[in-house]
Amino acid sequence: MPVKGLDHVNIIAADLDETTRFYESLLGFRYGGRPSEMNFAGGWFYDQDDRPIIHVMTFDPVRHGDQARHTMPTGSIDHVALACEDFAGTIRRCEELGVAHRVNDRKYGDLRQVFVTDPNNVTLELNFAGD
């Protein structure tokens, strides 16, 4: 079975509203609610091409089991990398929104990176190739 790519990332949100504001205002994602047949709070963040990129949900002890997993900053995930456009615009948006960020202008290749942390302590690596 060949893997064709990453379909989406799932994040357990401590505060669903705050998480939604972060992803909509900084990254321009559109939030869509969960399908009605699913019995948990959450939804999907869609990119500009209407692809679901990030699935977000509230913690549910029945679904997620051990509470200790939820209290760990990001579980086993170190960061999530997203291919992006408009490096300068992203920096400007971070500054306007007061979002702490770190720029990594790599010393090889043409990739520029901006690192931010979402309200759930998930680090996002925003990659800008040739931008």
C-alpha atoms as a PDB file:
ATOM      1  CA  MET A   1       0.000   0.000   0.000  1.00  0.00           C
ATOM      2  CA  PRO A   2       1.745   3.200  -1.080  1.00  0.00           C
ATOM      3  CA  VAL A   3       1.091   6.328   0.983  1.00  0.00           C
ATOM      4  CA  LYS A   4       0.122   9.238  -1.270  1.00  0.00           C
ATOM      5  CA  GLY A   5       0.413  12.085   1.240  1.00  0.00           C
ATOM      6  CA  LEU A   6      -0.788  13.421   4.558  1.00  0.00           C
ATOM      7  CA  ASP A   7      -4.578  13.742   4.666  1.00  0.00           C
ATOM      8  CA  HIS A   8      -5.043  15.871   7.796  1.00  0.00           C
ATOM      9  CA  VAL A   9      -3.881  16.470  11.358  1.00  0.00           C
ATOM     10  CA  ASN A  10      -6.136  16.128  14.414  1.00  0.00           C
ATOM     11  CA  ILE A  11      -5.696  18.494  17.358  1.00  0.00           C
ATOM     12  CA  ILE A  12      -7.465  18.222  20.706  1.00  0.00           C
ATOM     13  CA  ALA A  13      -8.402  21.802  21.570  1.00  0.00           C
ATOM     14  CA  ALA A  14      -8.485  23.018  25.156  1.00  0.00           C
ATOM     15  CA  ASP A  15     -10.607  25.969  23.948  1.00  0.00           C
ATOM     16  CA  LEU A  16     -12.383  25.389  20.643  1.00  0.00           C
ATOM     17  CA  ASP A  17     -13.338  29.051  20.117  1.00  0.00           C
ATOM     18  CA  GLU A  18      -9.808  30.333  20.767  1.00  0.00           C
ATOM     19  CA  THR A  19      -8.367  27.658  18.489  1.00  0.00           C
ATOM     20  CA  THR A  20     -10.828  28.576  15.735  1.00  0.00           C
ATOM     21  CA  ARG A  21      -9.952  32.288  15.985  1.00  0.00           C
ATOM     22  CA  PHE A  22      -6.233  31.473  15.765  1.00  0.00           C
ATOM     23  CA  TYR A  23      -6.448  29.304  12.644  1.00  0.00           C
ATOM     24  CA  GLU A  24      -8.937  31.566  10.868  1.00  0.00           C
ATOM     25  CA  SER A  25      -7.202  34.867  11.618  1.00  0.00           C
ATOM     26  CA  LEU A  26      -3.571  33.819  11.172  1.00  0.00           C
ATOM     27  CA  LEU A  27      -3.727  31.165   8.468  1.00  0.00           C
ATOM     28  CA  GLY A  28      -6.956  32.113   6.706  1.00  0.00           C
ATOM     29  CA  PHE A  29      -8.503  28.687   7.171  1.00  0.00           C
ATOM     30  CA  ARG A  30     -12.291  28.379   6.998  1.00  0.00           C
ATOM     31  CA  TYR A  31     -13.859  26.531   9.918  1.00  0.00           C
ATOM     32  CA  GLY A  32     -16.585  24.003   9.188  1.00  0.00           C
ATOM     33  CA  GLY A  33     -18.508  22.218  11.899  1.00  0.00           C
ATOM     34  CA  ARG A  34     -18.455  18.496  12.447  1.00  0.00           C
ATOM     35  CA  PRO A  35     -20.882  16.164  10.704  1.00  0.00           C
ATOM     36  CA  SER A  36     -24.046  15.806  12.804  1.00  0.00           C
ATOM     37  CA  GLU A  37     -23.625  12.041  13.215  1.00  0.00           C
ATOM     38  CA  MET A  38     -20.409  12.553  15.207  1.00  0.00           C
ATOM     39  CA  ASN A  39     -21.021  12.950  18.920  1.00  0.00           C
ATOM     40  CA  PHE A  40     -18.208  15.313  19.895  1.00  0.00           C
ATOM     41  CA  ALA A  41     -17.569  19.037  19.642  1.00  0.00           C
ATOM     42  CA  GLY A  42     -15.222  20.033  16.888  1.00  0.00           C
ATOM     43  CA  GLY A  43     -14.884  20.511  13.182  1.00  0.00           C
ATOM     44  CA  TRP A  44     -12.475  20.965  10.309  1.00  0.00           C
ATOM     45  CA  PHE A  45     -10.291  23.793   9.068  1.00  0.00           C
ATOM     46  CA  TYR A  46     -10.338  24.031   5.277  1.00  0.00           C
ATOM     47  CA  ASP A  47      -7.731  25.687   3.073  1.00  0.00           C
ATOM     48  CA  GLN A  48      -8.507  28.059   0.197  1.00  0.00           C
ATOM     49  CA  ASP A  49      -9.118  25.091  -2.116  1.00  0.00           C
ATOM     50  CA  ASP A  50     -11.671  23.695   0.363  1.00  0.00           C
ATOM     51  CA  ARG A  51      -9.464  20.782   1.445  1.00  0.00           C
ATOM     52  CA  PRO A  52      -9.760  19.755   5.115  1.00  0.00           C
ATOM     53  CA  ILE A  53      -6.266  20.284   6.554  1.00  0.00           C
ATOM     54  CA  ILE A  54      -6.746  20.253  10.318  1.00  0.00           C
ATOM     55  CA  HIS A  55      -9.430  18.429  12.299  1.00  0.00           C
ATOM     56  CA  VAL A  56     -10.011  19.915  15.724  1.00  0.00           C
ATOM     57  CA  MET A  57     -12.020  18.499  18.601  1.00  0.00           C
ATOM     58  CA  THR A  58     -12.522  18.960  22.318  1.00  0.00           C
ATOM     59  CA  PHE A  59     -11.123  16.440  24.773  1.00  0.00           C
ATOM     60  CA  ASP A  60     -13.454  13.513  25.432  1.00  0.00           C
ATOM     61  CA  PRO A  61     -12.356  11.014  28.121  1.00  0.00           C
ATOM     62  CA  VAL A  62     -14.412   8.224  26.536  1.00  0.00           C
ATOM     63  CA  ARG A  63     -12.870   8.795  23.112  1.00  0.00           C
ATOM     64  CA  HIS A  64      -9.345   9.793  24.189  1.00  0.00           C
ATOM     65  CA  GLY A  65      -8.882   7.648  27.292  1.00  0.00           C
ATOM     66  CA  ASP A  66      -6.073   8.636  29.636  1.00  0.00           C
ATOM     67  CA  GLN A  67      -6.365  12.253  30.826  1.00  0.00           C
ATOM     68  CA  ALA A  68      -2.565  12.449  31.119  1.00  0.00           C
ATOM     69  CA  ARG A  69      -2.300  12.290  27.323  1.00  0.00           C
ATOM     70  CA  HIS A  70      -4.407  15.434  27.034  1.00  0.00           C
ATOM     71  CA  THR A  71      -2.385  17.356  29.607  1.00  0.00           C
ATOM     72  CA  MET A  72       0.894  16.753  27.768  1.00  0.00           C
ATOM     73  CA  PRO A  73       1.736  19.812  25.649  1.00  0.00           C
ATOM     74  CA  THR A  74       1.434  17.999  22.303  1.00  0.00           C
ATOM     75  CA  GLY A  75       1.499  14.313  23.076  1.00  0.00           C
ATOM     76  CA  SER A  76       4.049  12.728  20.759  1.00  0.00           C
ATOM     77  CA  ILE A  77       3.792  15.410  18.064  1.00  0.00           C
ATOM     78  CA  ASP A  78       6.685  17.869  17.914  1.00  0.00           C
ATOM     79  CA  HIS A  79       5.298  20.081  15.148  1.00  0.00           C
ATOM     80  CA  VAL A  80       3.086  20.218  12.075  1.00  0.00           C
ATOM     81  CA  ALA A  81       4.552  21.640   8.855  1.00  0.00           C
ATOM     82  CA  LEU A  82       2.354  23.481   6.348  1.00  0.00           C
ATOM     83  CA  ALA A  83       3.332  24.565   2.825  1.00  0.00           C
ATOM     84  CA  CYS A  84       2.461  28.271   2.598  1.00  0.00           C
ATOM     85  CA  GLU A  85       2.656  31.345   0.389  1.00  0.00           C
ATOM     86  CA  ASP A  86       3.256  35.033   1.166  1.00  0.00           C
ATOM     87  CA  PHE A  87       6.087  35.065   3.691  1.00  0.00           C
ATOM     88  CA  ALA A  88       5.996  38.854   4.193  1.00  0.00           C
ATOM     89  CA  GLY A  89       2.219  38.863   4.581  1.00  0.00           C
ATOM     90  CA  THR A  90       2.410  36.097   7.186  1.00  0.00           C
ATOM     91  CA  ILE A  91       5.014  38.003   9.212  1.00  0.00           C
ATOM     92  CA  ARG A  92       2.849  41.122   8.986  1.00  0.00           C
ATOM     93  CA  ARG A  93      -0.244  39.171  10.097  1.00  0.00           C
ATOM     94  CA  CYS A  94       1.659  37.678  13.059  1.00  0.00           C
ATOM     95  CA  GLU A  95       2.702  41.165  14.141  1.00  0.00           C
ATOM     96  CA  GLU A  96      -0.803  42.614  13.699  1.00  0.00           C
ATOM     97  CA  LEU A  97      -2.351  39.779  15.723  1.00  0.00           C
ATOM     98  CA  GLY A  98       0.380  39.775  18.375  1.00  0.00           C
ATOM     99  CA  VAL A  99       1.268  36.158  17.590  1.00  0.00           C
ATOM    100  CA  ALA A 100       4.773  35.268  18.763  1.00  0.00           C
ATOM    101  CA  HIS A 101       6.809  33.896  15.867  1.00  0.00           C
ATOM    102  CA  ARG A 102      10.328  32.863  14.992  1.00  0.00           C
ATOM    103  CA  VAL A 103      11.814  33.152  11.515  1.00  0.00           C
ATOM    104  CA  ASN A 104      14.281  30.559  10.287  1.00  0.00           C
ATOM    105  CA  ASP A 105      16.004  31.645   7.094  1.00  0.00           C
ATOM    106  CA  ARG A 106      17.793  28.431   6.297  1.00  0.00           C
ATOM    107  CA  LYS A 107      21.383  28.689   5.201  1.00  0.00           C
ATOM    108  CA  TYR A 108      20.824  26.280   2.300  1.00  0.00           C
ATOM    109  CA  GLY A 109      18.157  26.168  -0.336  1.00  0.00           C
ATOM    110  CA  ASP A 110      15.398  28.688  -0.893  1.00  0.00           C
ATOM    111  CA  LEU A 111      13.069  27.662   1.931  1.00  0.00           C
ATOM    112  CA  ARG A 112      12.045  30.254   4.536  1.00  0.00           C
ATOM    113  CA  GLN A 113      10.242  29.181   7.676  1.00  0.00           C
ATOM    114  CA  VAL A 114       8.075  30.846  10.301  1.00  0.00           C
ATOM    115  CA  PHE A 115       7.377  28.982  13.527  1.00  0.00           C
ATOM    116  CA  VAL A 116       4.275  29.804  15.597  1.00  0.00           C
ATOM    117  CA  THR A 117       2.491  28.002  18.419  1.00  0.00           C
ATOM    118  CA  ASP A 118      -1.274  27.516  18.428  1.00  0.00           C
ATOM    119  CA  PRO A 119      -3.442  27.920  21.565  1.00  0.00           C
ATOM    120  CA  ASN A 120      -3.014  24.187  22.309  1.00  0.00           C
ATOM    121  CA  ASN A 121       0.795  24.421  22.351  1.00  0.00           C
ATOM    122  CA  VAL A 122       1.118  22.753  18.929  1.00  0.00           C
ATOM    123  CA  THR A 123       4.060  24.199  17.010  1.00  0.00           C
ATOM    124  CA  LEU A 124       3.337  25.032  13.378  1.00  0.00           C
ATOM    125  CA  GLU A 125       6.193  25.183  10.897  1.00  0.00           C
ATOM    126  CA  LEU A 126       5.054  27.443   8.067  1.00  0.00           C
ATOM    127  CA  ASN A 127       7.210  26.741   5.013  1.00  0.00           C
ATOM    128  CA  PHE A 128       7.642  29.220   2.162  1.00  0.00           C
ATOM    129  CA  ALA A 129       9.567  27.821  -0.831  1.00  0.00           C
ATOM    130  CA  GLY A 130      11.142  30.503  -3.018  1.00  0.00           C
ATOM    131  CA  ASP A 131       9.005  33.197  -1.377  1.00  0.00           C
END
